[in-house]
Amino acid sequence: MAMPKQKVWLGKVAALVIAVISPAVALAQSCALCYTQAGGSGSRMIAALRSGILILVIPPMLICIGISWMAYKKRNQFNEEPPAPPKETNFAEE
């Protein structure tokens, strides 16, 4: 039995809302030590902390994107059928 298009659309909207809300929940679980250090430091230290976070996030993200791209490009490498061998012709019989 096929699902009506409205239910599929509603599921996609619900997934989008959950994806948008989840980062706010993740920010609520911050490290107490990081919070106290950043709160007691000046604006330059806060800027350095933000830069450090970006520097630590970018390489793993690029690695994951690269692996996903390579997996996507190679997804059918072993599923393709080999080409048929050429048909042999016997010129002596002709």
PDB file of N, CA and C in Angstrom:
ATOM      1  N   MET A   1       0.837  -1.172   0.000  1.00  0.00           N
ATOM      2  CA  MET A   1       0.000   0.000   0.000  1.00  0.00           C
ATOM      3  C   MET A   1       0.884   1.238   0.000  1.00  0.00           C
ATOM      4  N   ALA A   2       0.670   2.115  -0.927  1.00  0.00           N
ATOM      5  CA  ALA A   2       1.487   3.314  -1.062  1.00  0.00           C
ATOM      6  C   ALA A   2       1.016   4.385  -0.088  1.00  0.00           C
ATOM      7  N   MET A   3       1.996   5.148   0.417  1.00  0.00           N
ATOM      8  CA  MET A   3       1.653   6.234   1.334  1.00  0.00           C
ATOM      9  C   MET A   3       1.174   7.427   0.527  1.00  0.00           C
ATOM     10  N   PRO A   4       0.169   8.137   1.020  1.00  0.00           N
ATOM     11  CA  PRO A   4      -0.265   9.348   0.315  1.00  0.00           C
ATOM     12  C   PRO A   4       0.848  10.390   0.302  1.00  0.00           C
ATOM     13  N   LYS A   5       0.822  11.236  -0.685  1.00  0.00           N
ATOM     14  CA  LYS A   5       1.863  12.257  -0.837  1.00  0.00           C
ATOM     15  C   LYS A   5       1.882  13.217   0.340  1.00  0.00           C
ATOM     16  N   GLN A   6       0.720  13.440   0.958  1.00  0.00           N
ATOM     17  CA  GLN A   6       0.668  14.356   2.095  1.00  0.00           C
ATOM     18  C   GLN A   6       1.466  13.811   3.277  1.00  0.00           C
ATOM     19  N   LYS A   7       1.394  12.507   3.527  1.00  0.00           N
ATOM     20  CA  LYS A   7       2.143  11.925   4.631  1.00  0.00           C
ATOM     21  C   LYS A   7       3.644  11.979   4.363  1.00  0.00           C
ATOM     22  N   VAL A   8       4.041  11.741   3.132  1.00  0.00           N
ATOM     23  CA  VAL A   8       5.466  11.812   2.775  1.00  0.00           C
ATOM     24  C   VAL A   8       5.964  13.237   2.952  1.00  0.00           C
ATOM     25  N   TRP A   9       5.176  14.201   2.503  1.00  0.00           N
ATOM     26  CA  TRP A   9       5.549  15.608   2.617  1.00  0.00           C
ATOM     27  C   TRP A   9       5.639  16.012   4.079  1.00  0.00           C
ATOM     28  N   LEU A  10       4.684  15.553   4.889  1.00  0.00           N
ATOM     29  CA  LEU A  10       4.676  15.862   6.310  1.00  0.00           C
ATOM     30  C   LEU A  10       5.901  15.261   7.004  1.00  0.00           C
ATOM     31  N   GLY A  11       6.301  14.062   6.609  1.00  0.00           N
ATOM     32  CA  GLY A  11       7.503  13.442   7.163  1.00  0.00           C
ATOM     33  C   GLY A  11       8.759  14.221   6.825  1.00  0.00           C
ATOM     34  N   LYS A  12       8.841  14.710   5.603  1.00  0.00           N
ATOM     35  CA  LYS A  12      10.003  15.508   5.202  1.00  0.00           C
ATOM     36  C   LYS A  12      10.064  16.822   5.965  1.00  0.00           C
ATOM     37  N   VAL A  13       8.922  17.452   6.163  1.00  0.00           N
ATOM     38  CA  VAL A  13       8.882  18.710   6.915  1.00  0.00           C
ATOM     39  C   VAL A  13       9.279  18.461   8.368  1.00  0.00           C
ATOM     40  N   ALA A  14       8.793  17.368   8.954  1.00  0.00           N
ATOM     41  CA  ALA A  14       9.143  17.040  10.332  1.00  0.00           C
ATOM     42  C   ALA A  14      10.650  16.789  10.465  1.00  0.00           C
ATOM     43  N   ALA A  15      11.248  16.098   9.502  1.00  0.00           N
ATOM     44  CA  ALA A  15      12.689  15.850   9.527  1.00  0.00           C
ATOM     45  C   ALA A  15      13.469  17.155   9.425  1.00  0.00           C
ATOM     46  N   LEU A  16      12.997  18.076   8.610  1.00  0.00           N
ATOM     47  CA  LEU A  16      13.660  19.374   8.472  1.00  0.00           C
ATOM     48  C   LEU A  16      13.580  20.162   9.771  1.00  0.00           C
ATOM     49  N   VAL A  17      12.420  20.152  10.416  1.00  0.00           N
ATOM     50  CA  VAL A  17      12.264  20.876  11.671  1.00  0.00           C
ATOM     51  C   VAL A  17      13.182  20.287  12.744  1.00  0.00           C
ATOM     52  N   ILE A  18      13.268  18.976  12.814  1.00  0.00           N
ATOM     53  CA  ILE A  18      14.150  18.332  13.795  1.00  0.00           C
ATOM     54  C   ILE A  18      15.606  18.687  13.515  1.00  0.00           C
ATOM     55  N   ALA A  19      15.989  18.714  12.237  1.00  0.00           N
ATOM     56  CA  ALA A  19      17.371  19.058  11.877  1.00  0.00           C
ATOM     57  C   ALA A  19      17.698  20.507  12.231  1.00  0.00           C
ATOM     58  N   VAL A  20      16.728  21.392  12.133  1.00  0.00           N
ATOM     59  CA  VAL A  20      16.967  22.798  12.459  1.00  0.00           C
ATOM     60  C   VAL A  20      17.026  22.998  13.969  1.00  0.00           C
ATOM     61  N   ILE A  21      16.221  22.275  14.710  1.00  0.00           N
ATOM     62  CA  ILE A  21      16.163  22.451  16.154  1.00  0.00           C
ATOM     63  C   ILE A  21      17.331  21.761  16.864  1.00  0.00           C
ATOM     64  N   SER A  22      17.840  20.678  16.328  1.00  0.00           N
ATOM     65  CA  SER A  22      18.859  19.894  17.029  1.00  0.00           C
ATOM     66  C   SER A  22      20.141  20.662  17.345  1.00  0.00           C
ATOM     67  N   PRO A  23      20.654  21.586  16.514  1.00  0.00           N
ATOM     68  CA  PRO A  23      21.856  22.319  16.921  1.00  0.00           C
ATOM     69  C   PRO A  23      21.644  23.152  18.185  1.00  0.00           C
ATOM     70  N   ALA A  24      20.436  23.685  18.401  1.00  0.00           N
ATOM     71  CA  ALA A  24      20.169  24.459  19.607  1.00  0.00           C
ATOM     72  C   ALA A  24      20.278  23.567  20.840  1.00  0.00           C
ATOM     73  N   VAL A  25      19.834  22.325  20.729  1.00  0.00           N
ATOM     74  CA  VAL A  25      19.948  21.389  21.841  1.00  0.00           C
ATOM     75  C   VAL A  25      21.406  21.024  22.074  1.00  0.00           C
ATOM     76  N   ALA A  26      22.178  20.866  21.019  1.00  0.00           N
ATOM     77  CA  ALA A  26      23.588  20.507  21.154  1.00  0.00           C
ATOM     78  C   ALA A  26      24.389  21.630  21.819  1.00  0.00           C
ATOM     79  N   LEU A  27      24.037  22.883  21.564  1.00  0.00           N
ATOM     80  CA  LEU A  27      24.748  24.000  22.177  1.00  0.00           C
ATOM     81  C   LEU A  27      24.498  24.071  23.680  1.00  0.00           C
ATOM     82  N   ALA A  28      23.398  23.545  24.140  1.00  0.00           N
ATOM     83  CA  ALA A  28      23.093  23.582  25.568  1.00  0.00           C
ATOM     84  C   ALA A  28      24.005  22.663  26.363  1.00  0.00           C
ATOM     85  N   GLN A  29      24.664  21.727  25.724  1.00  0.00           N
ATOM     86  CA  GLN A  29      25.537  20.783  26.411  1.00  0.00           C
ATOM     87  C   GLN A  29      26.997  21.201  26.262  1.00  0.00           C
ATOM     88  N   SER A  30      27.339  22.377  26.759  1.00  0.00           N
ATOM     89  CA  SER A  30      28.707  22.859  26.609  1.00  0.00           C
ATOM     90  C   SER A  30      29.569  22.408  27.785  1.00  0.00           C
ATOM     91  N   CYS A  31      30.858  22.448  27.574  1.00  0.00           N
ATOM     92  CA  CYS A  31      31.830  22.052  28.590  1.00  0.00           C
ATOM     93  C   CYS A  31      31.920  23.159  29.643  1.00  0.00           C
ATOM     94  N   ALA A  32      31.835  22.790  30.923  1.00  0.00           N
ATOM     95  CA  ALA A  32      31.873  23.780  32.000  1.00  0.00           C
ATOM     96  C   ALA A  32      33.226  24.488  32.052  1.00  0.00           C
ATOM     97  N   LEU A  33      34.303  23.766  31.819  1.00  0.00           N
ATOM     98  CA  LEU A  33      35.624  24.370  31.850  1.00  0.00           C
ATOM     99  C   LEU A  33      35.782  25.378  30.716  1.00  0.00           C
ATOM    100  N   CYS A  34      35.336  25.006  29.527  1.00  0.00           N
ATOM    101  CA  CYS A  34      35.419  25.933  28.393  1.00  0.00           C
ATOM    102  C   CYS A  34      34.564  27.176  28.651  1.00  0.00           C
ATOM    103  N   TYR A  35      33.408  26.958  29.257  1.00  0.00           N
ATOM    104  CA  TYR A  35      32.502  28.080  29.532  1.00  0.00           C
ATOM    105  C   TYR A  35      33.137  29.066  30.510  1.00  0.00           C
ATOM    106  N   THR A  36      33.741  28.557  31.585  1.00  0.00           N
ATOM    107  CA  THR A  36      34.338  29.457  32.565  1.00  0.00           C
ATOM    108  C   THR A  36      35.581  30.138  32.013  1.00  0.00           C
ATOM    109  N   GLN A  37      36.374  29.439  31.220  1.00  0.00           N
ATOM    110  CA  GLN A  37      37.573  30.043  30.623  1.00  0.00           C
ATOM    111  C   GLN A  37      37.184  31.139  29.633  1.00  0.00           C
ATOM    112  N   ALA A  38      36.203  30.858  28.783  1.00  0.00           N
ATOM    113  CA  ALA A  38      35.790  31.858  27.793  1.00  0.00           C
ATOM    114  C   ALA A  38      35.109  33.037  28.466  1.00  0.00           C
ATOM    115  N   GLY A  39      34.360  32.772  29.537  1.00  0.00           N
ATOM    116  CA  GLY A  39      33.672  33.860  30.227  1.00  0.00           C
ATOM    117  C   GLY A  39      34.636  34.790  30.948  1.00  0.00           C
ATOM    118  N   GLY A  40      35.744  34.262  31.442  1.00  0.00           N
ATOM    119  CA  GLY A  40      36.706  35.078  32.177  1.00  0.00           C
ATOM    120  C   GLY A  40      37.762  35.722  31.301  1.00  0.00           C
ATOM    121  N   SER A  41      37.798  35.392  30.042  1.00  0.00           N
ATOM    122  CA  SER A  41      38.833  35.948  29.161  1.00  0.00           C
ATOM    123  C   SER A  41      38.289  37.148  28.384  1.00  0.00           C
ATOM    124  N   GLY A  42      39.181  37.784  27.699  1.00  0.00           N
ATOM    125  CA  GLY A  42      38.808  38.960  26.925  1.00  0.00           C
ATOM    126  C   GLY A  42      38.263  38.589  25.554  1.00  0.00           C
ATOM    127  N   SER A  43      37.965  39.599  24.796  1.00  0.00           N
ATOM    128  CA  SER A  43      37.369  39.383  23.469  1.00  0.00           C
ATOM    129  C   SER A  43      38.349  38.731  22.496  1.00  0.00           C
ATOM    130  N   ARG A  44      39.654  39.011  22.671  1.00  0.00           N
ATOM    131  CA  ARG A  44      40.646  38.385  21.778  1.00  0.00           C
ATOM    132  C   ARG A  44      40.718  36.880  22.021  1.00  0.00           C
ATOM    133  N   MET A  45      40.616  36.471  23.277  1.00  0.00           N
ATOM    134  CA  MET A  45      40.655  35.044  23.594  1.00  0.00           C
ATOM    135  C   MET A  45      39.414  34.343  23.061  1.00  0.00           C
ATOM    136  N   ILE A  46      38.271  34.969  23.140  1.00  0.00           N
ATOM    137  CA  ILE A  46      37.034  34.383  22.614  1.00  0.00           C
ATOM    138  C   ILE A  46      37.146  34.224  21.102  1.00  0.00           C
ATOM    139  N   ALA A  47      37.710  35.230  20.424  1.00  0.00           N
ATOM    140  CA  ALA A  47      37.895  35.136  18.972  1.00  0.00           C
ATOM    141  C   ALA A  47      38.872  34.010  18.624  1.00  0.00           C
ATOM    142  N   ALA A  48      39.931  33.859  19.434  1.00  0.00           N
ATOM    143  CA  ALA A  48      40.894  32.775  19.191  1.00  0.00           C
ATOM    144  C   ALA A  48      40.249  31.416  19.427  1.00  0.00           C
ATOM    145  N   LEU A  49      39.390  31.314  20.428  1.00  0.00           N
ATOM    146  CA  LEU A  49      38.691  30.062  20.699  1.00  0.00           C
ATOM    147  C   LEU A  49      37.766  29.691  19.535  1.00  0.00           C
ATOM    148  N   ARG A  50      37.069  30.667  19.020  1.00  0.00           N
ATOM    149  CA  ARG A  50      36.179  30.402  17.864  1.00  0.00           C
ATOM    150  C   ARG A  50      36.987  29.990  16.636  1.00  0.00           C
ATOM    151  N   SER A  51      38.118  30.646  16.415  1.00  0.00           N
ATOM    152  CA  SER A  51      38.970  30.272  15.280  1.00  0.00           C
ATOM    153  C   SER A  51      39.504  28.856  15.454  1.00  0.00           C
ATOM    154  N   GLY A  52      39.899  28.516  16.680  1.00  0.00           N
ATOM    155  CA  GLY A  52      40.395  27.170  16.950  1.00  0.00           C
ATOM    156  C   GLY A  52      39.340  26.112  16.701  1.00  0.00           C
ATOM    157  N   ILE A  53      38.110  26.398  17.065  1.00  0.00           N
ATOM    158  CA  ILE A  53      37.019  25.453  16.823  1.00  0.00           C
ATOM    159  C   ILE A  53      36.846  25.227  15.328  1.00  0.00           C
ATOM    160  N   LEU A  54      36.880  26.302  14.555  1.00  0.00           N
ATOM    161  CA  LEU A  54      36.737  26.159  13.098  1.00  0.00           C
ATOM    162  C   LEU A  54      37.903  25.373  12.510  1.00  0.00           C
ATOM    163  N   ILE A  55      39.109  25.640  13.007  1.00  0.00           N
ATOM    164  CA  ILE A  55      40.280  24.927  12.487  1.00  0.00           C
ATOM    165  C   ILE A  55      40.185  23.434  12.794  1.00  0.00           C
ATOM    166  N   LEU A  56      39.630  23.086  13.953  1.00  0.00           N
ATOM    167  CA  LEU A  56      39.506  21.676  14.321  1.00  0.00           C
ATOM    168  C   LEU A  56      38.337  20.982  13.627  1.00  0.00           C
ATOM    169  N   VAL A  57      37.374  21.728  13.142  1.00  0.00           N
ATOM    170  CA  VAL A  57      36.193  21.132  12.499  1.00  0.00           C
ATOM    171  C   VAL A  57      36.420  20.914  11.007  1.00  0.00           C
ATOM    172  N   ILE A  58      37.134  21.808  10.357  1.00  0.00           N
ATOM    173  CA  ILE A  58      37.242  21.776   8.888  1.00  0.00           C
ATOM    174  C   ILE A  58      37.934  20.514   8.349  1.00  0.00           C
ATOM    175  N   PRO A  59      39.103  20.081   8.864  1.00  0.00           N
ATOM    176  CA  PRO A  59      39.730  18.879   8.282  1.00  0.00           C
ATOM    177  C   PRO A  59      38.874  17.610   8.352  1.00  0.00           C
ATOM    178  N   PRO A  60      38.251  17.276   9.491  1.00  0.00           N
ATOM    179  CA  PRO A  60      37.415  16.072   9.481  1.00  0.00           C
ATOM    180  C   PRO A  60      36.221  16.183   8.530  1.00  0.00           C
ATOM    181  N   MET A  61      35.680  17.400   8.415  1.00  0.00           N
ATOM    182  CA  MET A  61      34.560  17.596   7.504  1.00  0.00           C
ATOM    183  C   MET A  61      35.011  17.378   6.056  1.00  0.00           C
ATOM    184  N   LEU A  62      36.167  17.895   5.696  1.00  0.00           N
ATOM    185  CA  LEU A  62      36.677  17.700   4.338  1.00  0.00           C
ATOM    186  C   LEU A  62      36.995  16.232   4.069  1.00  0.00           C
ATOM    187  N   ILE A  63      37.514  15.533   5.074  1.00  0.00           N
ATOM    188  CA  ILE A  63      37.804  14.112   4.904  1.00  0.00           C
ATOM    189  C   ILE A  63      36.515  13.329   4.664  1.00  0.00           C
ATOM    190  N   CYS A  64      35.487  13.615   5.445  1.00  0.00           N
ATOM    191  CA  CYS A  64      34.197  12.927   5.266  1.00  0.00           C
ATOM    192  C   CYS A  64      33.587  13.224   3.903  1.00  0.00           C
ATOM    193  N   ILE A  65      33.672  14.469   3.467  1.00  0.00           N
ATOM    194  CA  ILE A  65      33.145  14.830   2.148  1.00  0.00           C
ATOM    195  C   ILE A  65      33.928  14.103   1.058  1.00  0.00           C
ATOM    196  N   GLY A  66      35.256  14.023   1.194  1.00  0.00           N
ATOM    197  CA  GLY A  66      36.081  13.331   0.203  1.00  0.00           C
ATOM    198  C   GLY A  66      35.763  11.844   0.125  1.00  0.00           C
ATOM    199  N   ILE A  67      35.614  11.202   1.269  1.00  0.00           N
ATOM    200  CA  ILE A  67      35.288   9.775   1.275  1.00  0.00           C
ATOM    201  C   ILE A  67      33.908   9.541   0.680  1.00  0.00           C
ATOM    202  N   SER A  68      32.953  10.398   1.021  1.00  0.00           N
ATOM    203  CA  SER A  68      31.603  10.253   0.457  1.00  0.00           C
ATOM    204  C   SER A  68      31.619  10.448  -1.052  1.00  0.00           C
ATOM    205  N   TRP A  69      32.392  11.416  -1.526  1.00  0.00           N
ATOM    206  CA  TRP A  69      32.465  11.670  -2.969  1.00  0.00           C
ATOM    207  C   TRP A  69      33.096  10.485  -3.695  1.00  0.00           C
ATOM    208  N   MET A  70      34.177   9.938  -3.122  1.00  0.00           N
ATOM    209  CA  MET A  70      34.821   8.791  -3.760  1.00  0.00           C
ATOM    210  C   MET A  70      33.899   7.570  -3.766  1.00  0.00           C
ATOM    211  N   ALA A  71      33.172   7.364  -2.679  1.00  0.00           N
ATOM    212  CA  ALA A  71      32.239   6.236  -2.620  1.00  0.00           C
ATOM    213  C   ALA A  71      31.120   6.414  -3.635  1.00  0.00           C
ATOM    214  N   TYR A  72      30.653   7.636  -3.819  1.00  0.00           N
ATOM    215  CA  TYR A  72      29.601   7.899  -4.803  1.00  0.00           C
ATOM    216  C   TYR A  72      30.110   7.652  -6.222  1.00  0.00           C
ATOM    217  N   LYS A  73      31.323   8.084  -6.502  1.00  0.00           N
ATOM    218  CA  LYS A  73      31.874   7.902  -7.855  1.00  0.00           C
ATOM    219  C   LYS A  73      32.142   6.431  -8.168  1.00  0.00           C
ATOM    220  N   LYS A  74      32.502   5.632  -7.168  1.00  0.00           N
ATOM    221  CA  LYS A  74      32.859   4.228  -7.387  1.00  0.00           C
ATOM    222  C   LYS A  74      31.708   3.265  -7.085  1.00  0.00           C
ATOM    223  N   ARG A  75      30.499   3.780  -6.877  1.00  0.00           N
ATOM    224  CA  ARG A  75      29.395   2.940  -6.414  1.00  0.00           C
ATOM    225  C   ARG A  75      29.041   1.815  -7.372  1.00  0.00           C
ATOM    226  N   ASN A  76      29.242   1.958  -8.661  1.00  0.00           N
ATOM    227  CA  ASN A  76      28.857   0.928  -9.625  1.00  0.00           C
ATOM    228  C   ASN A  76      30.062   0.255 -10.270  1.00  0.00           C
ATOM    229  N   GLN A  77      31.217   0.409  -9.693  1.00  0.00           N
ATOM    230  CA  GLN A  77      32.434  -0.109 -10.316  1.00  0.00           C
ATOM    231  C   GLN A  77      32.385  -1.626 -10.460  1.00  0.00           C
ATOM    232  N   PHE A  78      31.864  -2.326  -9.477  1.00  0.00           N
ATOM    233  CA  PHE A  78      31.867  -3.779  -9.528  1.00  0.00           C
ATOM    234  C   PHE A  78      30.514  -4.357  -9.934  1.00  0.00           C
ATOM    235  N   ASN A  79      29.526  -3.526 -10.188  1.00  0.00           N
ATOM    236  CA  ASN A  79      28.202  -3.998 -10.558  1.00  0.00           C
ATOM    237  C   ASN A  79      27.979  -4.046 -12.063  1.00  0.00           C
ATOM    238  N   GLU A  80      28.855  -3.436 -12.826  1.00  0.00           N
ATOM    239  CA  GLU A  80      28.683  -3.406 -14.269  1.00  0.00           C
ATOM    240  C   GLU A  80      29.066  -4.752 -14.877  1.00  0.00           C
ATOM    241  N   GLU A  81      28.344  -5.133 -15.896  1.00  0.00           N
ATOM    242  CA  GLU A  81      28.654  -6.378 -16.593  1.00  0.00           C
ATOM    243  C   GLU A  81      29.835  -6.144 -17.528  1.00  0.00           C
ATOM    244  N   PRO A  82      30.728  -7.111 -17.632  1.00  0.00           N
ATOM    245  CA  PRO A  82      31.859  -6.933 -18.544  1.00  0.00           C
ATOM    246  C   PRO A  82      31.354  -6.967 -19.988  1.00  0.00           C
ATOM    247  N   PRO A  83      32.056  -6.303 -20.872  1.00  0.00           N
ATOM    248  CA  PRO A  83      31.615  -6.313 -22.273  1.00  0.00           C
ATOM    249  C   PRO A  83      31.689  -7.723 -22.858  1.00  0.00           C
ATOM    250  N   ALA A  84      30.774  -8.010 -23.752  1.00  0.00           N
ATOM    251  CA  ALA A  84      30.734  -9.329 -24.388  1.00  0.00           C
ATOM    252  C   ALA A  84      31.960  -9.492 -25.285  1.00  0.00           C
ATOM    253  N   PRO A  85      32.543 -10.680 -25.298  1.00  0.00           N
ATOM    254  CA  PRO A  85      33.710 -10.895 -26.170  1.00  0.00           C
ATOM    255  C   PRO A  85      33.278 -10.820 -27.640  1.00  0.00           C
ATOM    256  N   PRO A  86      34.182 -10.419 -28.491  1.00  0.00           N
ATOM    257  CA  PRO A  86      33.808 -10.326 -29.912  1.00  0.00           C
ATOM    258  C   PRO A  86      33.489 -11.714 -30.473  1.00  0.00           C
ATOM    259  N   LYS A  87      32.546 -11.727 -31.378  1.00  0.00           N
ATOM    260  CA  LYS A  87      32.126 -12.986 -31.983  1.00  0.00           C
ATOM    261  C   LYS A  87      33.208 -13.463 -32.949  1.00  0.00           C
ATOM    262  N   GLU A  88      33.591 -14.741 -32.778  1.00  0.00           N
ATOM    263  CA  GLU A  88      34.646 -15.260 -33.626  1.00  0.00           C
ATOM    264  C   GLU A  88      34.067 -15.614 -35.004  1.00  0.00           C
ATOM    265  N   THR A  89      34.828 -15.275 -35.986  1.00  0.00           N
ATOM    266  CA  THR A  89      34.432 -15.627 -37.348  1.00  0.00           C
ATOM    267  C   THR A  89      35.468 -16.567 -37.928  1.00  0.00           C
ATOM    268  N   ASN A  90      35.012 -17.546 -38.619  1.00  0.00           N
ATOM    269  CA  ASN A  90      35.910 -18.517 -39.243  1.00  0.00           C
ATOM    270  C   ASN A  90      35.909 -18.240 -40.737  1.00  0.00           C
ATOM    271  N   PHE A  91      36.967 -17.592 -41.207  1.00  0.00           N
ATOM    272  CA  PHE A  91      37.024 -17.231 -42.620  1.00  0.00           C
ATOM    273  C   PHE A  91      37.343 -18.435 -43.499  1.00  0.00           C
ATOM    274  N   ALA A  92      37.836 -19.488 -42.954  1.00  0.00           N
ATOM    275  CA  ALA A  92      38.205 -20.667 -43.758  1.00  0.00           C
ATOM    276  C   ALA A  92      36.971 -21.362 -44.302  1.00  0.00           C
ATOM    277  N   GLU A  93      35.852 -21.309 -43.595  1.00  0.00           N
ATOM    278  CA  GLU A  93      34.639 -22.006 -44.037  1.00  0.00           C
ATOM    279  C   GLU A  93      33.916 -21.257 -45.135  1.00  0.00           C
ATOM    280  N   GLU A  94      34.213 -20.010 -45.318  1.00  0.00           N
ATOM    281  CA  GLU A  94      33.455 -19.236 -46.308  1.00  0.00           C
ATOM    282  C   GLU A  94      33.900 -19.457 -47.700  1.00  0.00           C
TER     283      GLU A  94
END
